[in-house]
Amino acid sequence: MSVYTPAEVVEETGFSIDTLRYYEKIGLLERIGRNAAGQRRFSQEDVGWLGTLRCLRDTGMPIAKMLRFAELVRAGDDTIPDRIKLLEEHDQQVRSQIEKLAERQSYIHNKISYYRSQL
């Protein structure tokens, strides 16, 4: 079984050490294993879970919803329908964000074209 130091996890996930500690403290991460010296050691499963959290965070999911998702995952396969619902709701919010960004990008393109026509 592969284990990772906090520095390796920071490199792999892009989360800061402080964020990793915070996520463990609030329960987004289950208790992280430690070596004989008491230093945190992350499993491949921990790193994979952090990848999921990175995706959710980067797409704007609030921590409260991330915590709810974590609870559902830990509760077992009976919660899969609830997880699907939560992710579908989030997907709709992401889709809406993308549409708004595309509108704003179009506006920016129009401004660029206007300014180029003034040269």
Protein backbone atom coordinates (compact mmCIF):
# COMPACT_ATOMS: atom_id res chain seq x y z
CA MET A 1 0.00 0.00 0.00
CA SER A 2 1.39 3.37 -1.01
CA VAL A 3 1.59 6.12 1.56
CA TYR A 4 2.20 9.78 0.96
CA THR A 5 3.68 12.52 3.08
CA PRO A 6 1.76 15.77 3.49
CA ALA A 7 4.23 17.48 1.14
CA GLU A 8 3.58 14.85 -1.53
CA VAL A 9 -0.18 15.29 -1.11
CA VAL A 10 0.17 19.06 -1.42
CA GLU A 11 2.08 18.53 -4.66
CA GLU A 12 -0.44 16.00 -5.96
CA THR A 13 -3.66 17.85 -5.03
CA GLY A 14 -2.76 21.51 -4.92
CA PHE A 15 -4.28 21.86 -1.47
CA SER A 16 -2.17 23.61 1.15
CA ILE A 17 -1.07 21.88 4.34
CA ASP A 18 -3.43 24.17 6.26
CA THR A 19 -6.35 23.13 4.04
CA LEU A 20 -5.54 19.46 4.55
CA ARG A 21 -5.52 19.96 8.32
CA TYR A 22 -8.75 21.94 8.15
CA TYR A 23 -10.48 19.31 6.04
CA GLU A 24 -9.44 16.66 8.53
CA LYS A 25 -10.60 18.80 11.46
CA ILE A 26 -14.08 19.42 10.03
CA GLY A 27 -14.53 15.85 8.84
CA LEU A 28 -14.14 16.19 5.07
CA LEU A 29 -11.19 13.85 5.44
CA GLU A 30 -11.43 10.89 7.72
CA ARG A 31 -8.73 10.69 10.35
CA ILE A 32 -5.42 10.46 8.55
CA GLY A 33 -3.05 7.67 9.54
CA ARG A 34 0.23 8.46 11.20
CA ASN A 35 3.62 6.83 11.25
CA ALA A 36 5.51 5.80 14.40
CA ALA A 37 6.78 9.36 14.82
CA GLY A 38 3.21 10.73 14.69
CA GLN A 39 3.57 12.29 11.25
CA ARG A 40 0.57 12.17 8.94
CA ARG A 41 0.68 9.60 6.17
CA PHE A 42 -1.98 9.68 3.49
CA SER A 43 -3.20 6.57 1.68
CA GLN A 44 -3.93 6.30 -2.03
CA GLU A 45 -7.62 6.32 -1.04
CA ASP A 46 -7.10 9.62 0.84
CA VAL A 47 -5.43 11.15 -2.22
CA GLY A 48 -8.26 9.92 -4.46
CA TRP A 49 -10.85 11.40 -2.11
CA LEU A 50 -8.94 14.69 -2.12
CA GLY A 51 -9.18 14.64 -5.92
CA THR A 52 -12.95 14.47 -5.58
CA LEU A 53 -12.93 17.32 -3.07
CA ARG A 54 -10.70 19.35 -5.40
CA CYS A 55 -13.21 18.93 -8.23
CA LEU A 56 -16.15 19.88 -6.03
CA ARG A 57 -14.35 22.88 -4.56
CA ASP A 58 -13.05 24.11 -7.92
CA THR A 59 -16.59 24.01 -9.31
CA GLY A 60 -17.95 26.10 -6.45
CA MET A 61 -19.57 23.57 -4.15
CA PRO A 62 -19.92 25.05 -0.66
CA ILE A 63 -18.17 23.24 2.19
CA ALA A 64 -21.52 22.43 3.81
CA LYS A 65 -22.57 20.48 0.70
CA MET A 66 -19.15 18.85 0.47
CA LEU A 67 -19.62 17.70 4.08
CA ARG A 68 -23.06 16.34 3.23
CA PHE A 69 -21.59 14.45 0.27
CA ALA A 70 -18.85 13.03 2.52
CA GLU A 71 -21.47 11.89 5.03
CA LEU A 72 -23.42 10.15 2.28
CA VAL A 73 -20.35 8.40 0.94
CA ARG A 74 -19.41 7.14 4.40
CA ALA A 75 -22.97 5.97 5.04
CA GLY A 76 -22.66 3.33 2.32
CA ASP A 77 -24.24 2.27 -0.93
CA ASP A 78 -27.80 2.86 0.28
CA THR A 79 -27.10 6.58 -0.14
CA ILE A 80 -26.17 6.39 -3.81
CA PRO A 81 -29.52 7.90 -4.93
CA ASP A 82 -28.96 10.82 -2.54
CA ARG A 83 -25.41 11.28 -3.84
CA ILE A 84 -26.69 11.31 -7.42
CA LYS A 85 -29.27 13.95 -6.50
CA LEU A 86 -26.69 16.13 -4.76
CA LEU A 87 -24.27 15.86 -7.69
CA GLU A 88 -27.02 16.51 -10.26
CA GLU A 89 -28.00 19.68 -8.40
CA HIS A 90 -24.37 20.76 -8.33
CA ASP A 91 -23.99 19.92 -12.01
CA GLN A 92 -26.91 22.21 -12.80
CA GLN A 93 -25.24 25.04 -10.87
CA VAL A 94 -21.98 24.42 -12.75
CA ARG A 95 -23.87 24.44 -16.06
CA SER A 96 -25.45 27.76 -15.10
CA GLN A 97 -22.04 29.21 -14.21
CA ILE A 98 -20.65 28.07 -17.56
CA GLU A 99 -23.55 29.72 -19.42
CA LYS A 100 -23.00 32.99 -17.54
CA LEU A 101 -19.28 32.88 -18.27
CA ALA A 102 -19.94 32.21 -21.95
CA GLU A 103 -22.23 35.27 -22.08
CA ARG A 104 -19.58 37.42 -20.45
CA GLN A 105 -16.91 36.03 -22.73
CA SER A 106 -19.04 36.96 -25.73
CA TYR A 107 -19.33 40.49 -24.36
CA ILE A 108 -15.54 40.66 -23.95
CA HIS A 109 -15.04 39.41 -27.52
CA ASN A 110 -17.40 42.12 -28.77
CA LYS A 111 -15.42 44.76 -26.88
CA ILE A 112 -12.15 43.45 -28.30
CA SER A 113 -13.61 43.59 -31.81
CA TYR A 114 -14.88 47.12 -31.22
CA TYR A 115 -11.51 48.34 -29.93
CA ARG A 116 -9.66 46.68 -32.81
CA SER A 117 -11.97 48.45 -35.25
CA GLN A 118 -10.90 51.75 -33.67
CA LEU A 119 -7.24 51.22 -34.54
